[in-house]
Amino acid sequence: MILYTCGTKTTGPGALHPCARAGNALDEAGYQYEIKTVEGYRMMPWTWKARNAGRKEVEELSGTKEVPILVLDDGEVISDSSAIAKWAKANPAPST
């Protein structure tokens, strides 16, 4: 499982950034996941330079250059922090 983020702190109490909300939801659901940071910031799309391989990868996976996106182990892609949080709540990690 890979969570693509913009590099903003992805966990912590009271975190309001969309990437943080997605990371917190996965943490609360008990998941371990890889974080891939891509350059550029949502409110500054001019920072999504054409040479930015991370944003290009995100776009190829999800159809948008925006993060966060979550790529599940089966290849399913979930875009948007709200959708990621909803999925995590509905699908808690299996207990080991």
C-alpha atoms as a PDB file:
ATOM      1  CA  MET A   1       0.000   0.000   0.000  1.00  0.00           C
ATOM      2  CA  ILE A   2       1.412   3.378  -0.994  1.00  0.00           C
ATOM      3  CA  LEU A   3       0.161   6.803   0.103  1.00  0.00           C
ATOM      4  CA  TYR A   4       1.265   9.579  -2.252  1.00  0.00           C
ATOM      5  CA  THR A   5       1.502  12.952  -0.505  1.00  0.00           C
ATOM      6  CA  CYS A   6       2.874  16.444  -1.109  1.00  0.00           C
ATOM      7  CA  GLY A   7       5.390  16.136   1.710  1.00  0.00           C
ATOM      8  CA  THR A   8       3.318  17.891   4.332  1.00  0.00           C
ATOM      9  CA  LYS A   9       3.461  16.160   7.690  1.00  0.00           C
ATOM     10  CA  THR A  10       1.212  13.170   7.159  1.00  0.00           C
ATOM     11  CA  THR A  11       0.282  12.245  10.715  1.00  0.00           C
ATOM     12  CA  GLY A  12      -0.400  13.817  14.057  1.00  0.00           C
ATOM     13  CA  PRO A  13      -3.256  14.983  16.203  1.00  0.00           C
ATOM     14  CA  GLY A  14      -5.144  17.951  14.859  1.00  0.00           C
ATOM     15  CA  ALA A  15      -3.493  17.743  11.448  1.00  0.00           C
ATOM     16  CA  LEU A  16      -5.803  19.505   8.986  1.00  0.00           C
ATOM     17  CA  HIS A  17      -3.936  19.125   5.711  1.00  0.00           C
ATOM     18  CA  PRO A  18      -5.552  16.609   3.320  1.00  0.00           C
ATOM     19  CA  CYS A  19      -2.384  14.496   3.181  1.00  0.00           C
ATOM     20  CA  ALA A  20      -2.308  14.417   6.996  1.00  0.00           C
ATOM     21  CA  ARG A  21      -5.979  13.439   7.199  1.00  0.00           C
ATOM     22  CA  ALA A  22      -5.387  10.531   4.826  1.00  0.00           C
ATOM     23  CA  GLY A  23      -2.341   9.344   6.784  1.00  0.00           C
ATOM     24  CA  ASN A  24      -4.155   9.651  10.114  1.00  0.00           C
ATOM     25  CA  ALA A  25      -7.111   7.647   8.803  1.00  0.00           C
ATOM     26  CA  LEU A  26      -4.808   4.837   7.690  1.00  0.00           C
ATOM     27  CA  ASP A  27      -2.990   4.921  11.037  1.00  0.00           C
ATOM     28  CA  GLU A  28      -6.268   4.756  12.967  1.00  0.00           C
ATOM     29  CA  ALA A  29      -7.387   1.797  10.831  1.00  0.00           C
ATOM     30  CA  GLY A  30      -4.163  -0.026  11.734  1.00  0.00           C
ATOM     31  CA  TYR A  31      -2.427   0.017   8.365  1.00  0.00           C
ATOM     32  CA  GLN A  32       1.276   0.074   7.629  1.00  0.00           C
ATOM     33  CA  TYR A  33       2.013   1.805   4.350  1.00  0.00           C
ATOM     34  CA  GLU A  34       4.765   3.364   2.292  1.00  0.00           C
ATOM     35  CA  ILE A  35       4.734   7.120   1.814  1.00  0.00           C
ATOM     36  CA  LYS A  36       5.831   8.548  -1.526  1.00  0.00           C
ATOM     37  CA  THR A  37       6.357  12.283  -1.547  1.00  0.00           C
ATOM     38  CA  VAL A  38       5.853  14.208  -4.775  1.00  0.00           C
ATOM     39  CA  GLU A  39       7.030  17.750  -5.405  1.00  0.00           C
ATOM     40  CA  GLY A  40       4.709  20.704  -5.699  1.00  0.00           C
ATOM     41  CA  TYR A  41       1.748  21.911  -3.739  1.00  0.00           C
ATOM     42  CA  ARG A  42      -1.992  21.808  -4.455  1.00  0.00           C
ATOM     43  CA  MET A  43      -2.591  25.546  -4.142  1.00  0.00           C
ATOM     44  CA  MET A  44       0.399  26.289  -6.392  1.00  0.00           C
ATOM     45  CA  PRO A  45      -0.054  24.171  -9.531  1.00  0.00           C
ATOM     46  CA  TRP A  46       2.780  26.025 -11.265  1.00  0.00           C
ATOM     47  CA  THR A  47       5.042  23.978  -8.946  1.00  0.00           C
ATOM     48  CA  TRP A  48       3.887  20.815 -10.743  1.00  0.00           C
ATOM     49  CA  LYS A  49       6.614  21.137 -13.360  1.00  0.00           C
ATOM     50  CA  ALA A  50       6.578  18.893 -16.408  1.00  0.00           C
ATOM     51  CA  ARG A  51       9.834  17.315 -15.282  1.00  0.00           C
ATOM     52  CA  ASN A  52       8.252  16.373 -11.959  1.00  0.00           C
ATOM     53  CA  ALA A  53       8.215  12.581 -12.248  1.00  0.00           C
ATOM     54  CA  GLY A  54       6.201  12.165  -9.037  1.00  0.00           C
ATOM     55  CA  ARG A  55       3.249  14.237 -10.223  1.00  0.00           C
ATOM     56  CA  LYS A  56       3.363  12.485 -13.588  1.00  0.00           C
ATOM     57  CA  GLU A  57       3.224   9.109 -11.810  1.00  0.00           C
ATOM     58  CA  VAL A  58       0.268  10.298  -9.714  1.00  0.00           C
ATOM     59  CA  GLU A  59      -1.532  11.471 -12.848  1.00  0.00           C
ATOM     60  CA  GLU A  60      -0.913   8.138 -14.596  1.00  0.00           C
ATOM     61  CA  LEU A  61      -2.306   6.261 -11.591  1.00  0.00           C
ATOM     62  CA  SER A  62      -5.304   8.448 -10.778  1.00  0.00           C
ATOM     63  CA  GLY A  63      -6.045  10.732 -13.720  1.00  0.00           C
ATOM     64  CA  THR A  64      -5.203  13.817 -11.642  1.00  0.00           C
ATOM     65  CA  LYS A  65      -1.978  15.392 -10.424  1.00  0.00           C
ATOM     66  CA  GLU A  66      -3.487  16.098  -7.009  1.00  0.00           C
ATOM     67  CA  VAL A  67      -2.552  14.194  -3.878  1.00  0.00           C
ATOM     68  CA  PRO A  68      -3.203  12.415  -1.630  1.00  0.00           C
ATOM     69  CA  ILE A  69      -3.884   9.196  -3.455  1.00  0.00           C
ATOM     70  CA  LEU A  70      -3.703   5.716  -2.020  1.00  0.00           C
ATOM     71  CA  VAL A  71      -2.627   2.739  -4.120  1.00  0.00           C
ATOM     72  CA  LEU A  72      -3.758  -0.538  -2.594  1.00  0.00           C
ATOM     73  CA  ASP A  73      -1.742  -3.725  -2.911  1.00  0.00           C
ATOM     74  CA  ASP A  74      -4.159  -5.013  -5.580  1.00  0.00           C
ATOM     75  CA  GLY A  75      -3.565  -1.853  -7.674  1.00  0.00           C
ATOM     76  CA  GLU A  76      -6.843  -0.098  -6.829  1.00  0.00           C
ATOM     77  CA  VAL A  77      -6.373   3.672  -6.569  1.00  0.00           C
ATOM     78  CA  ILE A  78      -8.305   5.839  -4.135  1.00  0.00           C
ATOM     79  CA  SER A  79      -8.079   9.607  -4.685  1.00  0.00           C
ATOM     80  CA  ASP A  80      -8.912  12.400  -2.222  1.00  0.00           C
ATOM     81  CA  SER A  81      -8.417  12.440   1.537  1.00  0.00           C
ATOM     82  CA  SER A  82     -12.127  12.027   2.270  1.00  0.00           C
ATOM     83  CA  ALA A  83     -12.384   8.928   0.084  1.00  0.00           C
ATOM     84  CA  ILE A  84      -9.215   7.491   1.639  1.00  0.00           C
ATOM     85  CA  ALA A  85     -10.546   8.112   5.165  1.00  0.00           C
ATOM     86  CA  LYS A  86     -13.928   6.566   4.267  1.00  0.00           C
ATOM     87  CA  TRP A  87     -12.214   3.492   2.792  1.00  0.00           C
ATOM     88  CA  ALA A  88      -9.915   3.107   5.829  1.00  0.00           C
ATOM     89  CA  LYS A  89     -12.849   3.297   8.237  1.00  0.00           C
ATOM     90  CA  ALA A  90     -14.834   0.738   6.256  1.00  0.00           C
ATOM     91  CA  ASN A  91     -11.843  -1.597   5.811  1.00  0.00           C
ATOM     92  CA  PRO A  92      -9.771  -1.743   9.014  1.00  0.00           C
ATOM     93  CA  ALA A  93      -6.506  -3.665   8.812  1.00  0.00           C
ATOM     94  CA  PRO A  94      -6.830  -7.326   9.758  1.00  0.00           C
ATOM     95  CA  SER A  95      -5.627  -8.135  13.260  1.00  0.00           C
ATOM     96  CA  THR A  96      -2.448 -10.151  13.430  1.00  0.00           C
END
